[in-house]
Amino acid sequence: PDDYIPSLVEAYPKELINAYLLGQFVNLRSGTVYRNFDRIRNNSTEKIKPKETLMVGMDFNIQHMAATIYGIRDSHWHGLAELSDIFDTPDMARILKERYKDKGHRIVIYPDASGASGHSSNASLSDFVVLQQFPYNFELRVDHSNPAVKDRVASVNRQFERHQLFINSRTCPKTADCLEKQTYDKNGEPDKKSGFDHQNDATGYPIAREFPIVRPVTQLNVAGMI
């Protein structure tokens, strides 16, 4: 189709375009996962404004709960604050309420979709229920399942490449550090043994949902070929 190549360029970061369109051999299994993140080029100096809406990416893990807190500036997403190594979901909810919601901020959470049935708090309630019930009553934006990991990574890399995603490395030092240091394992998957994955997952969930990778569809006119 006439729009096939433009749709590929729109959907994928440059290293995949080099592979798909130019036929180049691109090593997608080595180096850093978030290769398009540049601490200088993608740096933000923005800070949280009074009573602004905060978009929170959240990853569930006992003793390693992580959240990346975003603000939106002229349609660009800025990582403004972070929470890391929080014990469990009730602790995370309490901190978000005390630091932000009680000060007039609207909180919108983009969680790991597995939290619908997961129990990061070692309790009978799911993580989602903890976040949505009184006294927190947080708004959740989440699909029934997470996107493929490679699509989430591609979405984040694409937004960094387009200068539409920024991280304040002063207020989000662990986020910047993890983005720079997570590599691929021997199976070509983002490494989960080094401890950089929790914050990166939290960083990526909102971006993957709001700026998903939409795969181009090619229609084949079978009838016309007979």
Protein backbone atom coordinates (compact mmCIF):
# COMPACT_ATOMS: atom_id res chain seq x y z
CA PRO A 1 0.00 0.00 0.00
CA ASP A 2 1.08 3.58 -0.63
CA ASP A 3 1.16 4.40 3.05
CA TYR A 4 3.03 1.28 4.17
CA ILE A 5 6.51 2.83 4.43
CA PRO A 6 5.31 6.06 6.09
CA SER A 7 3.34 3.99 8.58
CA LEU A 8 6.46 1.98 9.45
CA VAL A 9 8.48 5.16 9.96
CA GLU A 10 5.71 6.50 12.18
CA ALA A 11 5.48 3.35 14.26
CA TYR A 12 9.07 2.24 14.88
CA PRO A 13 12.33 3.71 16.21
CA LYS A 14 15.20 4.23 13.79
CA GLU A 15 17.14 0.99 14.44
CA LEU A 16 14.11 -1.10 13.44
CA ILE A 17 13.55 1.08 10.37
CA ASN A 18 17.15 0.40 9.36
CA ALA A 19 16.46 -3.32 9.64
CA TYR A 20 12.99 -3.45 8.08
CA LEU A 21 13.34 -0.92 5.25
CA LEU A 22 17.04 -0.71 4.48
CA GLY A 23 17.88 -4.37 5.00
CA GLN A 24 20.67 -3.54 7.42
CA PHE A 25 21.83 -6.07 9.98
CA VAL A 26 20.98 -4.41 13.29
CA ASN A 27 21.98 -6.04 16.56
CA LEU A 28 18.89 -5.77 18.73
CA ARG A 29 20.23 -8.13 21.40
CA SER A 30 23.20 -6.21 22.73
CA GLY A 31 23.87 -2.84 24.26
CA THR A 32 21.41 -0.89 26.34
CA VAL A 33 17.69 -1.52 26.06
CA TYR A 34 16.76 2.16 26.01
CA ARG A 35 19.45 3.17 23.55
CA ASN A 36 17.64 6.35 22.48
CA PHE A 37 17.73 7.85 25.96
CA ASP A 38 20.32 10.60 26.27
CA ARG A 39 20.76 12.20 29.69
CA ILE A 40 21.48 15.58 28.09
CA ARG A 41 19.21 15.58 25.03
CA ASN A 42 16.27 14.12 26.95
CA ASN A 43 16.84 16.04 30.15
CA SER A 44 14.02 17.99 31.73
CA THR A 45 14.28 20.89 34.13
CA GLU A 46 10.54 20.83 34.82
CA LYS A 47 9.27 20.32 38.36
CA ILE A 48 5.88 19.39 39.79
CA LYS A 49 3.48 22.31 39.70
CA PRO A 50 0.91 22.96 42.43
CA LYS A 51 -2.22 20.83 42.03
CA GLU A 52 -1.38 19.62 38.51
CA THR A 53 -2.52 16.20 37.30
CA LEU A 54 0.21 13.61 37.79
CA MET A 55 0.48 10.52 35.61
CA VAL A 56 2.08 7.65 37.53
CA GLY A 57 3.62 4.55 35.97
CA MET A 58 3.73 1.73 38.53
CA ASP A 59 5.43 -1.65 38.78
CA PHE A 60 4.45 -4.16 41.48
CA ASN A 61 7.13 -6.05 43.41
CA ILE A 62 7.40 -6.89 47.10
CA GLN A 63 10.09 -4.61 48.61
CA HIS A 64 10.84 -3.19 45.18
CA MET A 65 7.70 -1.28 44.21
CA ALA A 66 8.54 1.42 41.69
CA ALA A 67 6.75 4.46 40.32
CA THR A 68 7.72 7.12 37.80
CA ILE A 69 5.67 10.30 38.12
CA TYR A 70 5.00 12.36 35.00
CA GLY A 71 3.68 15.79 34.21
CA ILE A 72 2.59 16.85 30.72
CA ARG A 73 3.94 20.04 29.15
CA ASP A 74 2.62 20.99 25.69
CA SER A 75 1.85 17.32 24.92
CA HIS A 76 5.38 16.30 25.94
CA TRP A 77 5.78 13.90 28.87
CA HIS A 78 8.27 14.87 31.61
CA GLY A 79 9.41 12.51 34.35
CA LEU A 80 9.25 14.78 37.41
CA ALA A 81 9.61 12.46 40.41
CA GLU A 82 10.16 8.83 41.28
CA LEU A 83 9.49 6.31 44.03
CA SER A 84 11.68 3.23 44.28
CA ASP A 85 12.13 0.20 46.53
CA ILE A 86 8.80 0.83 48.26
CA PHE A 87 7.79 -2.20 50.34
CA ASP A 88 4.32 -2.98 48.99
CA THR A 89 1.18 -1.58 47.35
CA PRO A 90 -0.41 -0.14 50.53
CA ASP A 91 2.84 1.70 51.28
CA MET A 92 2.96 3.05 47.73
CA ALA A 93 -0.65 4.18 47.89
CA ARG A 94 -0.11 5.90 51.23
CA ILE A 95 2.95 7.78 49.98
CA LEU A 96 1.18 8.95 46.83
CA LYS A 97 -1.76 10.14 48.89
CA GLU A 98 0.31 11.98 51.49
CA ARG A 99 2.78 13.59 49.09
CA TYR A 100 0.49 14.44 46.22
CA LYS A 101 -3.24 13.74 46.48
CA ASP A 102 -3.60 15.42 49.87
CA LYS A 103 -1.96 18.50 48.33
CA GLY A 104 -4.57 18.77 45.60
CA HIS A 105 -3.03 16.70 42.80
CA ARG A 106 -5.18 14.45 40.66
CA ILE A 107 -3.44 11.07 40.47
CA VAL A 108 -3.79 8.87 37.37
CA ILE A 109 -2.00 5.53 37.66
CA TYR A 110 -0.81 3.37 34.76
CA PRO A 111 0.00 0.07 36.50
CA ASP A 112 1.39 -3.26 35.46
CA ALA A 113 -1.70 -5.10 34.16
CA SER A 114 -0.84 -8.15 36.26
CA GLY A 115 -1.87 -6.16 39.34
CA ALA A 116 -5.50 -6.98 38.63
CA SER A 117 -4.96 -10.38 40.21
CA GLY A 118 -1.58 -9.90 41.86
CA HIS A 119 -1.09 -9.46 45.60
CA SER A 120 2.08 -7.43 46.06
CA SER A 121 0.90 -6.57 49.55
CA ASN A 122 0.78 -10.24 50.62
CA ALA A 123 -2.90 -9.70 51.35
CA SER A 124 -6.17 -11.02 49.99
CA LEU A 125 -6.89 -7.83 48.01
CA SER A 126 -5.48 -7.34 44.55
CA ASP A 127 -3.12 -4.44 43.94
CA PHE A 128 -5.74 -2.70 41.81
CA VAL A 129 -8.36 -2.89 44.54
CA VAL A 130 -5.93 -1.40 47.07
CA LEU A 131 -5.29 1.56 44.78
CA GLN A 132 -8.93 2.12 43.89
CA GLN A 133 -10.60 1.70 47.26
CA PHE A 134 -11.04 4.24 50.06
CA PRO A 135 -9.12 6.22 51.24
CA TYR A 136 -7.05 6.41 48.03
CA ASN A 137 -9.59 6.23 45.21
CA PHE A 138 -6.92 6.59 42.55
CA GLU A 139 -7.88 6.59 38.87
CA LEU A 140 -6.39 3.65 36.96
CA ARG A 141 -5.73 3.47 33.23
CA VAL A 142 -4.83 -0.06 32.28
CA ASP A 143 -5.71 -2.66 29.67
CA HIS A 144 -6.52 -6.32 30.30
CA SER A 145 -2.93 -7.30 29.56
CA ASN A 146 0.44 -5.65 29.10
CA PRO A 147 1.74 -5.03 25.58
CA ALA A 148 4.60 -7.18 24.37
CA VAL A 149 7.83 -6.15 26.10
CA LYS A 150 9.50 -5.36 22.77
CA ASP A 151 6.59 -3.07 21.86
CA ARG A 152 6.81 -1.24 25.18
CA VAL A 153 10.56 -0.78 24.73
CA ALA A 154 10.07 0.40 21.14
CA SER A 155 7.41 2.88 22.24
CA VAL A 156 9.68 4.42 24.89
CA ASN A 157 12.66 4.56 22.53
CA ARG A 158 10.52 6.18 19.85
CA GLN A 159 9.36 8.93 22.20
CA PHE A 160 12.93 9.61 23.33
CA GLU A 161 14.06 9.75 19.71
CA ARG A 162 11.29 12.19 18.81
CA HIS A 163 12.10 14.46 21.75
CA GLN A 164 8.64 13.94 23.19
CA LEU A 165 9.76 12.20 26.38
CA PHE A 166 12.02 13.79 28.98
CA ILE A 167 13.38 12.84 32.39
CA ASN A 168 14.48 15.26 35.11
CA SER A 169 17.64 13.43 36.16
CA ARG A 170 17.96 15.54 39.31
CA THR A 171 14.57 14.59 40.69
CA CYS A 172 14.55 11.13 39.04
CA PRO A 173 18.16 9.95 39.47
CA LYS A 174 17.35 6.24 39.64
CA THR A 175 15.11 6.44 36.56
CA ALA A 176 17.89 8.03 34.52
CA ASP A 177 20.42 5.55 35.87
CA CYS A 178 18.26 2.53 35.06
CA LEU A 179 17.48 3.79 31.55
CA GLU A 180 21.20 4.07 30.87
CA LYS A 181 22.23 0.73 32.37
CA GLN A 182 19.66 -1.95 31.55
CA THR A 183 21.00 -4.32 28.89
CA TYR A 184 19.74 -7.41 27.07
CA ASP A 185 20.33 -10.90 28.42
CA LYS A 186 21.65 -13.86 26.42
CA ASN A 187 18.12 -14.60 25.17
CA GLY A 188 17.64 -11.14 23.75
CA GLU A 189 15.27 -10.05 26.52
CA PRO A 190 15.72 -7.01 28.79
CA ASP A 191 17.84 -8.19 31.72
CA LYS A 192 15.96 -8.62 35.00
CA LYS A 193 18.84 -9.77 37.21
CA SER A 194 20.68 -6.48 37.57
CA GLY A 195 17.83 -4.65 39.31
CA PHE A 196 17.33 -1.99 36.65
CA ASP A 197 14.08 -3.43 35.33
CA HIS A 198 11.58 -2.32 38.01
CA GLN A 199 12.00 1.41 37.50
CA ASN A 200 12.18 1.03 33.73
CA ASP A 201 8.95 -0.98 33.68
CA ALA A 202 7.23 1.73 35.71
CA THR A 203 8.61 4.36 33.34
CA GLY A 204 7.35 2.49 30.29
CA TYR A 205 3.78 1.49 31.16
CA PRO A 206 2.22 4.96 30.66
CA ILE A 207 4.19 5.62 27.48
CA ALA A 208 3.27 2.28 25.92
CA ARG A 209 -0.41 2.87 26.64
CA GLU A 210 -0.59 6.47 25.46
CA PHE A 211 1.78 6.05 22.50
CA PRO A 212 1.39 2.40 21.47
CA ILE A 213 3.22 0.72 18.67
CA VAL A 214 0.60 0.27 15.95
CA ARG A 215 1.74 -2.36 13.51
CA PRO A 216 1.02 -1.54 9.86
CA VAL A 217 -1.38 -3.94 8.18
CA THR A 218 -0.88 -5.00 4.59
CA GLN A 219 -3.99 -6.16 2.75
CA LEU A 220 -3.47 -8.76 0.08
CA ASN A 221 -6.06 -8.86 -2.71
CA VAL A 222 -6.22 -12.61 -3.14
CA ALA A 223 -9.16 -12.46 -5.55
CA GLY A 224 -7.22 -10.20 -7.89
CA MET A 225 -4.38 -12.71 -8.06
CA ILE A 226 -6.52 -15.65 -9.20
